Amino acid sequence: MAKGRIVIDSQRCKGCELCTTACPKDIIHMSETFNTRGYHPAVLVDPDGQCTGCALCAWMCPDAVITVYRYREAAASRRPLAVAST
């Protein structure tokens, strides 16, 4: 399973909550505090590392304040095959 994380620009978030409804893992919530614009921004609440980096939240965000990062699988699992020389 792919792993990922998101970063939300909390100062630009207007608190529309669209990302919270789009997240299949239900790990995006609205903050209890206000940003400098007076909105409750979205925050990632993912202590167990459930984010897959699916980017549905970023697609839903009308202000493009979410950056999605995806992690590649361990490099050891993608080693090139040995080639015999003649």
Protein backbone atom coordinates (compact mmCIF):
# COMPACT_ATOMS: atom_id res chain seq x y z
CA MET A 1 0.00 0.00 0.00
CA ALA A 2 1.31 3.43 -0.88
CA LYS A 3 2.09 5.86 1.89
CA GLY A 4 1.83 9.59 1.77
CA ARG A 5 1.21 12.77 3.64
CA ILE A 6 -0.27 16.15 2.97
CA VAL A 7 0.68 19.66 3.97
CA ILE A 8 -2.09 22.23 4.32
CA ASP A 9 -1.28 25.94 4.09
CA SER A 10 -3.38 26.84 7.11
CA GLN A 11 -3.07 30.59 6.56
CA ARG A 12 -4.64 30.33 3.09
CA CYS A 13 -7.31 27.76 4.01
CA LYS A 14 -10.82 29.25 4.14
CA GLY A 15 -12.35 26.32 6.01
CA CYS A 16 -14.77 25.14 3.32
CA GLU A 17 -14.46 21.52 4.59
CA LEU A 18 -14.49 20.00 1.10
CA CYS A 19 -11.23 18.16 1.78
CA THR A 20 -12.69 16.55 4.90
CA THR A 21 -15.52 15.00 2.91
CA ALA A 22 -13.17 13.82 0.14
CA CYS A 23 -10.70 12.00 2.41
CA PRO A 24 -11.41 8.24 2.30
CA LYS A 25 -9.44 7.71 5.53
CA ASP A 26 -11.26 10.48 7.45
CA ILE A 27 -7.98 11.95 8.72
CA ILE A 28 -8.57 15.59 7.78
CA HIS A 29 -10.42 17.61 10.39
CA MET A 30 -11.18 21.24 11.04
CA SER A 31 -8.99 23.06 13.53
CA GLU A 32 -10.46 24.46 16.74
CA THR A 33 -8.31 27.59 16.31
CA PHE A 34 -8.59 30.39 13.77
CA ASN A 35 -6.06 31.37 11.13
CA THR A 36 -5.14 35.03 10.50
CA ARG A 37 -8.06 35.36 8.06
CA GLY A 38 -10.57 34.30 10.70
CA TYR A 39 -11.30 30.80 9.38
CA HIS A 40 -10.97 27.38 11.02
CA PRO A 41 -8.41 25.72 8.72
CA ALA A 42 -8.24 22.05 7.89
CA VAL A 43 -5.58 19.98 9.65
CA LEU A 44 -4.19 16.51 9.06
CA VAL A 45 -4.83 14.23 12.05
CA ASP A 46 -2.89 11.10 11.14
CA PRO A 47 -1.02 9.63 14.13
CA ASP A 48 -1.07 6.13 12.62
CA GLY A 49 0.24 7.15 9.17
CA GLN A 50 -2.91 6.15 7.29
CA CYS A 51 -2.56 8.77 4.53
CA THR A 52 -2.00 7.09 1.16
CA GLY A 53 -1.32 10.27 -0.78
CA CYS A 54 -4.40 9.66 -2.95
CA ALA A 55 -4.71 13.44 -3.58
CA LEU A 56 -8.52 13.49 -3.44
CA CYS A 57 -8.34 16.26 -0.85
CA ALA A 58 -6.10 18.37 -3.09
CA TRP A 59 -8.41 17.88 -6.06
CA MET A 60 -11.38 19.07 -4.02
CA CYS A 61 -9.64 22.15 -2.59
CA PRO A 62 -10.86 25.23 -4.50
CA ASP A 63 -7.93 27.33 -3.29
CA ALA A 64 -5.12 24.81 -3.96
CA VAL A 65 -3.75 25.01 -0.41
CA ILE A 66 -2.97 21.28 -0.09
CA THR A 67 0.33 19.75 -1.20
CA VAL A 68 0.43 15.96 -1.48
CA TYR A 69 3.57 13.87 -0.99
CA ARG A 70 3.78 10.19 -1.88
CA TYR A 71 6.52 7.89 -0.63
CA ARG A 72 8.01 5.25 -2.82
CA GLU A 73 8.20 1.67 -1.66
CA ALA A 74 11.43 0.53 -0.08
CA ALA A 75 14.30 0.54 -2.56
CA ALA A 76 15.26 -2.99 -1.52
CA SER A 77 12.10 -4.38 -3.07
CA ARG A 78 13.00 -2.91 -6.47
CA ARG A 79 16.54 -4.21 -6.90
CA PRO A 80 17.52 -4.92 -10.49
CA LEU A 81 17.81 -8.56 -11.40
CA ALA A 82 21.30 -10.01 -11.68
CA VAL A 83 22.49 -10.46 -15.25
CA ALA A 84 24.79 -13.36 -16.06
CA SER A 85 27.79 -12.48 -18.22
CA THR A 86 29.00 -14.79 -20.96
